[in-house]
mmCIF file of all heavy atoms, coordinates in Angstrom:
data_MODEL
# 
_entry.id   MODEL 
# 
loop_
_atom_site.group_PDB 
_atom_site.id 
_atom_site.type_symbol 
_atom_site.label_atom_id 
_atom_site.label_alt_id 
_atom_site.label_comp_id 
_atom_site.label_asym_id 
_atom_site.label_entity_id 
_atom_site.label_seq_id 
_atom_site.pdbx_PDB_ins_code 
_atom_site.Cartn_x 
_atom_site.Cartn_y 
_atom_site.Cartn_z 
_atom_site.occupancy 
_atom_site.B_iso_or_equiv 
_atom_site.pdbx_formal_charge 
_atom_site.auth_seq_id 
_atom_site.auth_comp_id 
_atom_site.auth_asym_id 
_atom_site.auth_atom_id 
_atom_site.pdbx_PDB_model_num 
ATOM 1   N N   . VAL A 1 1  ? 6.080  -7.502  -11.795 1.00 0.00 ? 1  VAL A N   1 
ATOM 2   C CA  . VAL A 1 1  ? 6.674  -8.715  -12.352 1.00 0.00 ? 1  VAL A CA  1 
ATOM 3   C C   . VAL A 1 1  ? 7.326  -9.514  -11.230 1.00 0.00 ? 1  VAL A C   1 
ATOM 4   O O   . VAL A 1 1  ? 8.087  -8.966  -10.420 1.00 0.00 ? 1  VAL A O   1 
ATOM 5   C CB  . VAL A 1 1  ? 7.732  -8.382  -13.428 1.00 0.00 ? 1  VAL A CB  1 
ATOM 6   C CG1 . VAL A 1 1  ? 8.438  -9.658  -13.899 1.00 0.00 ? 1  VAL A CG1 1 
ATOM 7   C CG2 . VAL A 1 1  ? 7.092  -7.659  -14.604 1.00 0.00 ? 1  VAL A CG2 1 
ATOM 8   N N   . LEU A 1 2  ? 7.023  -10.809 -11.176 1.00 0.00 ? 2  LEU A N   1 
ATOM 9   C CA  . LEU A 1 2  ? 7.740  -11.743 -10.317 1.00 0.00 ? 2  LEU A CA  1 
ATOM 10  C C   . LEU A 1 2  ? 8.764  -12.446 -11.201 1.00 0.00 ? 2  LEU A C   1 
ATOM 11  O O   . LEU A 1 2  ? 8.395  -13.149 -12.147 1.00 0.00 ? 2  LEU A O   1 
ATOM 12  C CB  . LEU A 1 2  ? 6.788  -12.772 -9.690  1.00 0.00 ? 2  LEU A CB  1 
ATOM 13  C CG  . LEU A 1 2  ? 5.675  -12.238 -8.785  1.00 0.00 ? 2  LEU A CG  1 
ATOM 14  C CD1 . LEU A 1 2  ? 4.834  -13.405 -8.244  1.00 0.00 ? 2  LEU A CD1 1 
ATOM 15  C CD2 . LEU A 1 2  ? 6.255  -11.438 -7.636  1.00 0.00 ? 2  LEU A CD2 1 
ATOM 16  N N   . LEU A 1 3  ? 10.033 -12.262 -10.909 1.00 0.00 ? 3  LEU A N   1 
ATOM 17  C CA  . LEU A 1 3  ? 11.103 -12.711 -11.810 1.00 0.00 ? 3  LEU A CA  1 
ATOM 18  C C   . LEU A 1 3  ? 12.007 -13.732 -11.147 1.00 0.00 ? 3  LEU A C   1 
ATOM 19  O O   . LEU A 1 3  ? 12.601 -13.465 -10.093 1.00 0.00 ? 3  LEU A O   1 
ATOM 20  C CB  . LEU A 1 3  ? 11.941 -11.504 -12.256 1.00 0.00 ? 3  LEU A CB  1 
ATOM 21  C CG  . LEU A 1 3  ? 13.219 -11.786 -13.031 1.00 0.00 ? 3  LEU A CG  1 
ATOM 22  C CD1 . LEU A 1 3  ? 12.900 -12.435 -14.375 1.00 0.00 ? 3  LEU A CD1 1 
ATOM 23  C CD2 . LEU A 1 3  ? 14.020 -10.506 -13.241 1.00 0.00 ? 3  LEU A CD2 1 
ATOM 24  N N   . ASP A 1 4  ? 12.136 -14.889 -11.765 1.00 0.00 ? 4  ASP A N   1 
ATOM 25  C CA  . ASP A 1 4  ? 13.101 -15.899 -11.325 1.00 0.00 ? 4  ASP A CA  1 
ATOM 26  C C   . ASP A 1 4  ? 14.435 -15.624 -12.006 1.00 0.00 ? 4  ASP A C   1 
ATOM 27  O O   . ASP A 1 4  ? 14.479 -15.301 -13.203 1.00 0.00 ? 4  ASP A O   1 
ATOM 28  C CB  . ASP A 1 4  ? 12.592 -17.297 -11.692 1.00 0.00 ? 4  ASP A CB  1 
ATOM 29  C CG  . ASP A 1 4  ? 13.566 -18.397 -11.284 1.00 0.00 ? 4  ASP A CG  1 
ATOM 30  O OD1 . ASP A 1 4  ? 14.284 -18.214 -10.272 1.00 0.00 ? 4  ASP A OD1 1 
ATOM 31  O OD2 . ASP A 1 4  ? 13.630 -19.427 -11.977 1.00 0.00 ? 4  ASP A OD2 1 
ATOM 32  N N   . LEU A 1 5  ? 15.524 -15.730 -11.259 1.00 0.00 ? 5  LEU A N   1 
ATOM 33  C CA  . LEU A 1 5  ? 16.847 -15.463 -11.838 1.00 0.00 ? 5  LEU A CA  1 
ATOM 34  C C   . LEU A 1 5  ? 17.408 -16.669 -12.587 1.00 0.00 ? 5  LEU A C   1 
ATOM 35  O O   . LEU A 1 5  ? 18.228 -16.516 -13.492 1.00 0.00 ? 5  LEU A O   1 
ATOM 36  C CB  . LEU A 1 5  ? 17.834 -15.069 -10.730 1.00 0.00 ? 5  LEU A CB  1 
ATOM 37  C CG  . LEU A 1 5  ? 17.565 -13.752 -10.010 1.00 0.00 ? 5  LEU A CG  1 
ATOM 38  C CD1 . LEU A 1 5  ? 18.615 -13.542 -8.916  1.00 0.00 ? 5  LEU A CD1 1 
ATOM 39  C CD2 . LEU A 1 5  ? 17.561 -12.577 -10.974 1.00 0.00 ? 5  LEU A CD2 1 
ATOM 40  N N   . GLY A 1 6  ? 16.982 -17.875 -12.228 1.00 0.00 ? 6  GLY A N   1 
ATOM 41  C CA  . GLY A 1 6  ? 17.593 -19.081 -12.783 1.00 0.00 ? 6  GLY A CA  1 
ATOM 42  C C   . GLY A 1 6  ? 16.932 -19.589 -14.034 1.00 0.00 ? 6  GLY A C   1 
ATOM 43  O O   . GLY A 1 6  ? 16.420 -20.714 -14.078 1.00 0.00 ? 6  GLY A O   1 
ATOM 44  N N   . LEU A 1 7  ? 16.915 -18.790 -15.076 1.00 0.00 ? 7  LEU A N   1 
ATOM 45  C CA  . LEU A 1 7  ? 16.291 -19.184 -16.335 1.00 0.00 ? 7  LEU A CA  1 
ATOM 46  C C   . LEU A 1 7  ? 17.335 -19.835 -17.244 1.00 0.00 ? 7  LEU A C   1 
ATOM 47  O O   . LEU A 1 7  ? 18.416 -19.266 -17.449 1.00 0.00 ? 7  LEU A O   1 
ATOM 48  C CB  . LEU A 1 7  ? 15.688 -17.968 -17.037 1.00 0.00 ? 7  LEU A CB  1 
ATOM 49  C CG  . LEU A 1 7  ? 14.606 -17.216 -16.248 1.00 0.00 ? 7  LEU A CG  1 
ATOM 50  C CD1 . LEU A 1 7  ? 14.266 -15.909 -16.956 1.00 0.00 ? 7  LEU A CD1 1 
ATOM 51  C CD2 . LEU A 1 7  ? 13.363 -18.075 -16.091 1.00 0.00 ? 7  LEU A CD2 1 
ATOM 52  N N   . PRO A 1 8  ? 17.071 -21.002 -17.797 1.00 0.00 ? 8  PRO A N   1 
ATOM 53  C CA  . PRO A 1 8  ? 18.050 -21.682 -18.652 1.00 0.00 ? 8  PRO A CA  1 
ATOM 54  C C   . PRO A 1 8  ? 18.453 -20.821 -19.848 1.00 0.00 ? 8  PRO A C   1 
ATOM 55  O O   . PRO A 1 8  ? 17.608 -20.339 -20.589 1.00 0.00 ? 8  PRO A O   1 
ATOM 56  C CB  . PRO A 1 8  ? 17.291 -22.937 -19.112 1.00 0.00 ? 8  PRO A CB  1 
ATOM 57  C CG  . PRO A 1 8  ? 16.235 -23.154 -18.077 1.00 0.00 ? 8  PRO A CG  1 
ATOM 58  C CD  . PRO A 1 8  ? 15.835 -21.773 -17.630 1.00 0.00 ? 8  PRO A CD  1 
ATOM 59  N N   . GLY A 1 9  ? 19.746 -20.620 -19.989 1.00 0.00 ? 9  GLY A N   1 
ATOM 60  C CA  . GLY A 1 9  ? 20.250 -19.879 -21.138 1.00 0.00 ? 9  GLY A CA  1 
ATOM 61  C C   . GLY A 1 9  ? 20.034 -18.385 -21.085 1.00 0.00 ? 9  GLY A C   1 
ATOM 62  O O   . GLY A 1 9  ? 20.325 -17.680 -22.057 1.00 0.00 ? 9  GLY A O   1 
ATOM 63  N N   . GLU A 1 10 ? 19.511 -17.867 -19.961 1.00 0.00 ? 10 GLU A N   1 
ATOM 64  C CA  . GLU A 1 10 ? 19.259 -16.431 -19.834 1.00 0.00 ? 10 GLU A CA  1 
ATOM 65  C C   . GLU A 1 10 ? 19.771 -15.937 -18.493 1.00 0.00 ? 10 GLU A C   1 
ATOM 66  O O   . GLU A 1 10 ? 19.817 -16.683 -17.510 1.00 0.00 ? 10 GLU A O   1 
ATOM 67  C CB  . GLU A 1 10 ? 17.766 -16.125 -19.956 1.00 0.00 ? 10 GLU A CB  1 
ATOM 68  C CG  . GLU A 1 10 ? 17.166 -16.467 -21.295 1.00 0.00 ? 10 GLU A CG  1 
ATOM 69  C CD  . GLU A 1 10 ? 15.718 -16.040 -21.385 1.00 0.00 ? 10 GLU A CD  1 
ATOM 70  O OE1 . GLU A 1 10 ? 15.453 -14.891 -21.796 1.00 0.00 ? 10 GLU A OE1 1 
ATOM 71  O OE2 . GLU A 1 10 ? 14.837 -16.850 -21.041 1.00 0.00 ? 10 GLU A OE2 1 
ATOM 72  N N   . ASP A 1 11 ? 20.164 -14.689 -18.445 1.00 0.00 ? 11 ASP A N   1 
ATOM 73  C CA  . ASP A 1 11 ? 20.637 -14.065 -17.218 1.00 0.00 ? 11 ASP A CA  1 
ATOM 74  C C   . ASP A 1 11 ? 19.500 -13.238 -16.624 1.00 0.00 ? 11 ASP A C   1 
ATOM 75  O O   . ASP A 1 11 ? 19.085 -12.227 -17.193 1.00 0.00 ? 11 ASP A O   1 
ATOM 76  C CB  . ASP A 1 11 ? 21.843 -13.168 -17.521 1.00 0.00 ? 11 ASP A CB  1 
ATOM 77  C CG  . ASP A 1 11 ? 22.512 -12.644 -16.254 1.00 0.00 ? 11 ASP A CG  1 
ATOM 78  O OD1 . ASP A 1 11 ? 21.821 -12.508 -15.221 1.00 0.00 ? 11 ASP A OD1 1 
ATOM 79  O OD2 . ASP A 1 11 ? 23.725 -12.359 -16.291 1.00 0.00 ? 11 ASP A OD2 1 
ATOM 80  N N   . GLY A 1 12 ? 18.987 -13.686 -15.468 1.00 0.00 ? 12 GLY A N   1 
ATOM 81  C CA  . GLY A 1 12 ? 17.879 -12.989 -14.836 1.00 0.00 ? 12 GLY A CA  1 
ATOM 82  C C   . GLY A 1 12 ? 18.211 -11.557 -14.476 1.00 0.00 ? 12 GLY A C   1 
ATOM 83  O O   . GLY A 1 12 ? 17.335 -10.676 -14.520 1.00 0.00 ? 12 GLY A O   1 
ATOM 84  N N   . PHE A 1 13 ? 19.480 -11.302 -14.131 1.00 0.00 ? 13 PHE A N   1 
ATOM 85  C CA  . PHE A 1 13 ? 19.879 -9.935  -13.804 1.00 0.00 ? 13 PHE A CA  1 
ATOM 86  C C   . PHE A 1 13 ? 19.781 -9.021  -15.029 1.00 0.00 ? 13 PHE A C   1 
ATOM 87  O O   . PHE A 1 13 ? 19.428 -7.843  -14.918 1.00 0.00 ? 13 PHE A O   1 
ATOM 88  C CB  . PHE A 1 13 ? 21.299 -9.907  -13.248 1.00 0.00 ? 13 PHE A CB  1 
ATOM 89  C CG  . PHE A 1 13 ? 21.416 -10.461 -11.850 1.00 0.00 ? 13 PHE A CG  1 
ATOM 90  C CD1 . PHE A 1 13 ? 22.401 -11.396 -11.540 1.00 0.00 ? 13 PHE A CD1 1 
ATOM 91  C CD2 . PHE A 1 13 ? 20.557 -10.045 -10.845 1.00 0.00 ? 13 PHE A CD2 1 
ATOM 92  C CE1 . PHE A 1 13 ? 22.506 -11.896 -10.253 1.00 0.00 ? 13 PHE A CE1 1 
ATOM 93  C CE2 . PHE A 1 13 ? 20.660 -10.535 -9.554  1.00 0.00 ? 13 PHE A CE2 1 
ATOM 94  C CZ  . PHE A 1 13 ? 21.644 -11.473 -9.256  1.00 0.00 ? 13 PHE A CZ  1 
ATOM 95  N N   . VAL A 1 14 ? 20.105 -9.558  -16.199 1.00 0.00 ? 14 VAL A N   1 
ATOM 96  C CA  . VAL A 1 14 ? 19.999 -8.769  -17.432 1.00 0.00 ? 14 VAL A CA  1 
ATOM 97  C C   . VAL A 1 14 ? 18.537 -8.417  -17.698 1.00 0.00 ? 14 VAL A C   1 
ATOM 98  O O   . VAL A 1 14 ? 18.205 -7.283  -18.062 1.00 0.00 ? 14 VAL A O   1 
ATOM 99  C CB  . VAL A 1 14 ? 20.589 -9.540  -18.624 1.00 0.00 ? 14 VAL A CB  1 
ATOM 100 C CG1 . VAL A 1 14 ? 20.283 -8.821  -19.941 1.00 0.00 ? 14 VAL A CG1 1 
ATOM 101 C CG2 . VAL A 1 14 ? 22.096 -9.692  -18.454 1.00 0.00 ? 14 VAL A CG2 1 
ATOM 102 N N   . ILE A 1 15 ? 17.647 -9.378  -17.483 1.00 0.00 ? 15 ILE A N   1 
ATOM 103 C CA  . ILE A 1 15 ? 16.218 -9.123  -17.679 1.00 0.00 ? 15 ILE A CA  1 
ATOM 104 C C   . ILE A 1 15 ? 15.741 -8.059  -16.699 1.00 0.00 ? 15 ILE A C   1 
ATOM 105 O O   . ILE A 1 15 ? 14.987 -7.148  -17.077 1.00 0.00 ? 15 ILE A O   1 
ATOM 106 C CB  . ILE A 1 15 ? 15.418 -10.435 -17.495 1.00 0.00 ? 15 ILE A CB  1 
ATOM 107 C CG1 . ILE A 1 15 ? 15.813 -11.440 -18.574 1.00 0.00 ? 15 ILE A CG1 1 
ATOM 108 C CG2 . ILE A 1 15 ? 13.915 -10.154 -17.531 1.00 0.00 ? 15 ILE A CG2 1 
ATOM 109 C CD1 . ILE A 1 15 ? 15.202 -12.812 -18.385 1.00 0.00 ? 15 ILE A CD1 1 
ATOM 110 N N   . ALA A 1 16 ? 16.185 -8.164  -15.445 1.00 0.00 ? 16 ALA A N   1 
ATOM 111 C CA  . ALA A 1 16 ? 15.795 -7.165  -14.438 1.00 0.00 ? 16 ALA A CA  1 
ATOM 112 C C   . ALA A 1 16 ? 16.269 -5.778  -14.843 1.00 0.00 ? 16 ALA A C   1 
ATOM 113 O O   . ALA A 1 16 ? 15.543 -4.784  -14.708 1.00 0.00 ? 16 ALA A O   1 
ATOM 114 C CB  . ALA A 1 16 ? 16.365 -7.555  -13.071 1.00 0.00 ? 16 ALA A CB  1 
ATOM 115 N N   . ARG A 1 17 ? 17.502 -5.696  -15.354 1.00 0.00 ? 17 ARG A N   1 
ATOM 116 C CA  . ARG A 1 17 ? 18.045 -4.402  -15.773 1.00 0.00 ? 17 ARG A CA  1 
ATOM 117 C C   . ARG A 1 17 ? 17.246 -3.835  -16.954 1.00 0.00 ? 17 ARG A C   1 
ATOM 118 O O   . ARG A 1 17 ? 16.983 -2.628  -17.013 1.00 0.00 ? 17 ARG A O   1 
ATOM 119 C CB  . ARG A 1 17 ? 19.518 -4.554  -16.140 1.00 0.00 ? 17 ARG A CB  1 
ATOM 120 C CG  . ARG A 1 17 ? 20.221 -3.223  -16.395 1.00 0.00 ? 17 ARG A CG  1 
ATOM 121 C CD  . ARG A 1 17 ? 21.697 -3.405  -16.647 1.00 0.00 ? 17 ARG A CD  1 
ATOM 122 N NE  . ARG A 1 17 ? 22.414 -3.834  -15.442 1.00 0.00 ? 17 ARG A NE  1 
ATOM 123 C CZ  . ARG A 1 17 ? 22.913 -5.046  -15.250 1.00 0.00 ? 17 ARG A CZ  1 
ATOM 124 N NH1 . ARG A 1 17 ? 22.768 -5.980  -16.184 1.00 0.00 ? 17 ARG A NH1 1 
ATOM 125 N NH2 . ARG A 1 17 ? 23.551 -5.342  -14.144 1.00 0.00 ? 17 ARG A NH2 1 
ATOM 126 N N   . GLN A 1 18 ? 16.862 -4.688  -17.892 1.00 0.00 ? 18 GLN A N   1 
ATOM 127 C CA  . GLN A 1 18 ? 16.063 -4.226  -19.030 1.00 0.00 ? 18 GLN A CA  1 
ATOM 128 C C   . GLN A 1 18 ? 14.709 -3.682  -18.576 1.00 0.00 ? 18 GLN A C   1 
ATOM 129 O O   . GLN A 1 18 ? 14.225 -2.671  -19.099 1.00 0.00 ? 18 GLN A O   1 
ATOM 130 C CB  . GLN A 1 18 ? 15.861 -5.385  -20.015 1.00 0.00 ? 18 GLN A CB  1 
ATOM 131 C CG  . GLN A 1 18 ? 17.122 -5.778  -20.759 1.00 0.00 ? 18 GLN A CG  1 
ATOM 132 C CD  . GLN A 1 18 ? 16.926 -7.011  -21.620 1.00 0.00 ? 18 GLN A CD  1 
ATOM 133 O OE1 . GLN A 1 18 ? 15.997 -7.794  -21.396 1.00 0.00 ? 18 GLN A OE1 1 
ATOM 134 N NE2 . GLN A 1 18 ? 17.793 -7.201  -22.589 1.00 0.00 ? 18 GLN A NE2 1 
ATOM 135 N N   . LEU A 1 19 ? 14.109 -4.356  -17.589 1.00 0.00 ? 19 LEU A N   1 
ATOM 136 C CA  . LEU A 1 19 ? 12.828 -3.871  -17.067 1.00 0.00 ? 19 LEU A CA  1 
ATOM 137 C C   . LEU A 1 19 ? 12.990 -2.476  -16.473 1.00 0.00 ? 19 LEU A C   1 
ATOM 138 O O   . LEU A 1 19 ? 12.169 -1.585  -16.709 1.00 0.00 ? 19 LEU A O   1 
ATOM 139 C CB  . LEU A 1 19 ? 12.306 -4.835  -15.997 1.00 0.00 ? 19 LEU A CB  1 
ATOM 140 C CG  . LEU A 1 19 ? 11.676 -6.136  -16.471 1.00 0.00 ? 19 LEU A CG  1 
ATOM 141 C CD1 . LEU A 1 19 ? 11.324 -7.017  -15.272 1.00 0.00 ? 19 LEU A CD1 1 
ATOM 142 C CD2 . LEU A 1 19 ? 10.434 -5.864  -17.302 1.00 0.00 ? 19 LEU A CD2 1 
ATOM 143 N N   . ARG A 1 20 ? 14.043 -2.296  -15.690 1.00 0.00 ? 20 ARG A N   1 
ATOM 144 C CA  . ARG A 1 20 ? 14.233 -1.014  -15.023 1.00 0.00 ? 20 ARG A CA  1 
ATOM 145 C C   . ARG A 1 20 ? 14.566 0.100   -16.013 1.00 0.00 ? 20 ARG A C   1 
ATOM 146 O O   . ARG A 1 20 ? 14.197 1.247   -15.817 1.00 0.00 ? 20 ARG A O   1 
ATOM 147 C CB  . ARG A 1 20 ? 15.349 -1.142  -13.969 1.00 0.00 ? 20 ARG A CB  1 
ATOM 148 C CG  . ARG A 1 20 ? 14.853 -1.636  -12.640 1.00 0.00 ? 20 ARG A CG  1 
ATOM 149 C CD  . ARG A 1 20 ? 13.920 -0.609  -12.029 1.00 0.00 ? 20 ARG A CD  1 
ATOM 150 N NE  . ARG A 1 20 ? 13.177 -1.158  -10.904 1.00 0.00 ? 20 ARG A NE  1 
ATOM 151 C CZ  . ARG A 1 20 ? 11.890 -1.410  -10.925 1.00 0.00 ? 20 ARG A CZ  1 
ATOM 152 N NH1 . ARG A 1 20 ? 11.196 -1.212  -12.013 1.00 0.00 ? 20 ARG A NH1 1 
ATOM 153 N NH2 . ARG A 1 20 ? 11.283 -1.866  -9.851  1.00 0.00 ? 20 ARG A NH2 1 
ATOM 154 N N   . GLU A 1 21 ? 15.271 -0.232  -17.081 1.00 0.00 ? 21 GLU A N   1 
ATOM 155 C CA  . GLU A 1 21 ? 15.695 0.791   -18.034 1.00 0.00 ? 21 GLU A CA  1 
ATOM 156 C C   . GLU A 1 21 ? 14.586 1.216   -18.991 1.00 0.00 ? 21 GLU A C   1 
ATOM 157 O O   . GLU A 1 21 ? 14.567 2.355   -19.454 1.00 0.00 ? 21 GLU A O   1 
ATOM 158 C CB  . GLU A 1 21 ? 16.901 0.282   -18.840 1.00 0.00 ? 21 GLU A CB  1 
ATOM 159 C CG  . GLU A 1 21 ? 18.182 0.174   -18.013 1.00 0.00 ? 21 GLU A CG  1 
ATOM 160 C CD  . GLU A 1 21 ? 19.329 -0.388  -18.822 1.00 0.00 ? 21 GLU A CD  1 
ATOM 161 O OE1 . GLU A 1 21 ? 19.088 -0.824  -19.981 1.00 0.00 ? 21 GLU A OE1 1 
ATOM 162 O OE2 . GLU A 1 21 ? 20.473 -0.416  -18.315 1.00 0.00 ? 21 GLU A OE2 1 
ATOM 163 N N   . HIS A 1 22 ? 13.639 0.305   -19.276 1.00 0.00 ? 22 HIS A N   1 
ATOM 164 C CA  . HIS A 1 22 ? 12.686 0.578   -20.348 1.00 0.00 ? 22 HIS A CA  1 
ATOM 165 C C   . HIS A 1 22 ? 11.216 0.593   -19.915 1.00 0.00 ? 22 HIS A C   1 
ATOM 166 O O   . HIS A 1 22 ? 10.363 1.040   -20.683 1.00 0.00 ? 22 HIS A O   1 
ATOM 167 C CB  . HIS A 1 22 ? 12.849 -0.453  -21.466 1.00 0.00 ? 22 HIS A CB  1 
ATOM 168 C CG  . HIS A 1 22 ? 14.228 -0.489  -22.059 1.00 0.00 ? 22 HIS A CG  1 
ATOM 169 N ND1 . HIS A 1 22 ? 14.740 0.544   -22.818 1.00 0.00 ? 22 HIS A ND1 1 
ATOM 170 C CD2 . HIS A 1 22 ? 15.213 -1.425  -21.976 1.00 0.00 ? 22 HIS A CD2 1 
ATOM 171 C CE1 . HIS A 1 22 ? 15.974 0.241   -23.197 1.00 0.00 ? 22 HIS A CE1 1 
ATOM 172 N NE2 . HIS A 1 22 ? 16.287 -0.941  -22.702 1.00 0.00 ? 22 HIS A NE2 1 
ATOM 173 N N   . PHE A 1 23 ? 10.912 0.118   -18.708 1.00 0.00 ? 23 PHE A N   1 
ATOM 174 C CA  . PHE A 1 23 ? 9.515  0.016   -18.297 1.00 0.00 ? 23 PHE A CA  1 
ATOM 175 C C   . PHE A 1 23 ? 9.343  0.477   -16.856 1.00 0.00 ? 23 PHE A C   1 
ATOM 176 O O   . PHE A 1 23 ? 10.290 0.475   -16.070 1.00 0.00 ? 23 PHE A O   1 
ATOM 177 C CB  . PHE A 1 23 ? 9.008  -1.430  -18.432 1.00 0.00 ? 23 PHE A CB  1 
ATOM 178 C CG  . PHE A 1 23 ? 9.176  -2.007  -19.811 1.00 0.00 ? 23 PHE A CG  1 
ATOM 179 C CD1 . PHE A 1 23 ? 10.258 -2.842  -20.101 1.00 0.00 ? 23 PHE A CD1 1 
ATOM 180 C CD2 . PHE A 1 23 ? 8.279  -1.700  -20.822 1.00 0.00 ? 23 PHE A CD2 1 
ATOM 181 C CE1 . PHE A 1 23 ? 10.416 -3.367  -21.371 1.00 0.00 ? 23 PHE A CE1 1 
ATOM 182 C CE2 . PHE A 1 23 ? 8.441  -2.217  -22.095 1.00 0.00 ? 23 PHE A CE2 1 
ATOM 183 C CZ  . PHE A 1 23 ? 9.510  -3.049  -22.378 1.00 0.00 ? 23 PHE A CZ  1 
ATOM 184 N N   . HIS A 1 24 ? 8.105  0.873   -16.526 1.00 0.00 ? 24 HIS A N   1 
ATOM 185 C CA  . HIS A 1 24 ? 7.790  1.272   -15.159 1.00 0.00 ? 24 HIS A CA  1 
ATOM 186 C C   . HIS A 1 24 ? 6.839  0.234   -14.572 1.00 0.00 ? 24 HIS A C   1 
ATOM 187 O O   . HIS A 1 24 ? 5.678  0.130   -14.984 1.00 0.00 ? 24 HIS A O   1 
ATOM 188 C CB  . HIS A 1 24 ? 7.135  2.651   -15.134 1.00 0.00 ? 24 HIS A CB  1 
ATOM 189 C CG  . HIS A 1 24 ? 6.748  3.085   -13.764 1.00 0.00 ? 24 HIS A CG  1 
ATOM 190 N ND1 . HIS A 1 24 ? 7.677  3.437   -12.805 1.00 0.00 ? 24 HIS A ND1 1 
ATOM 191 C CD2 . HIS A 1 24 ? 5.530  3.220   -13.169 1.00 0.00 ? 24 HIS A CD2 1 
ATOM 192 C CE1 . HIS A 1 24 ? 7.054  3.770   -11.693 1.00 0.00 ? 24 HIS A CE1 1 
ATOM 193 N NE2 . HIS A 1 24 ? 5.744  3.637   -11.891 1.00 0.00 ? 24 HIS A NE2 1 
ATOM 194 N N   . CYS A 1 25 ? 7.323  -0.540  -13.625 1.00 0.00 ? 25 CYS A N   1 
ATOM 195 C CA  . CYS A 1 25 ? 6.501  -1.556  -12.981 1.00 0.00 ? 25 CYS A CA  1 
ATOM 196 C C   . CYS A 1 25 ? 7.189  -1.978  -11.692 1.00 0.00 ? 25 CYS A C   1 
ATOM 197 O O   . CYS A 1 25 ? 8.369  -1.711  -11.471 1.00 0.00 ? 25 CYS A O   1 
ATOM 198 C CB  . CYS A 1 25 ? 6.308  -2.779  -13.888 1.00 0.00 ? 25 CYS A CB  1 
ATOM 199 S SG  . CYS A 1 25 ? 7.834  -3.696  -14.234 1.00 0.00 ? 25 CYS A SG  1 
# 
């Protein structure tokens, strides 16, 4: 996954943490 941190209304760090906690990629 290529992830941008600056998503309107969303925290990119939270998305990154969810990826690490629930998926392998």
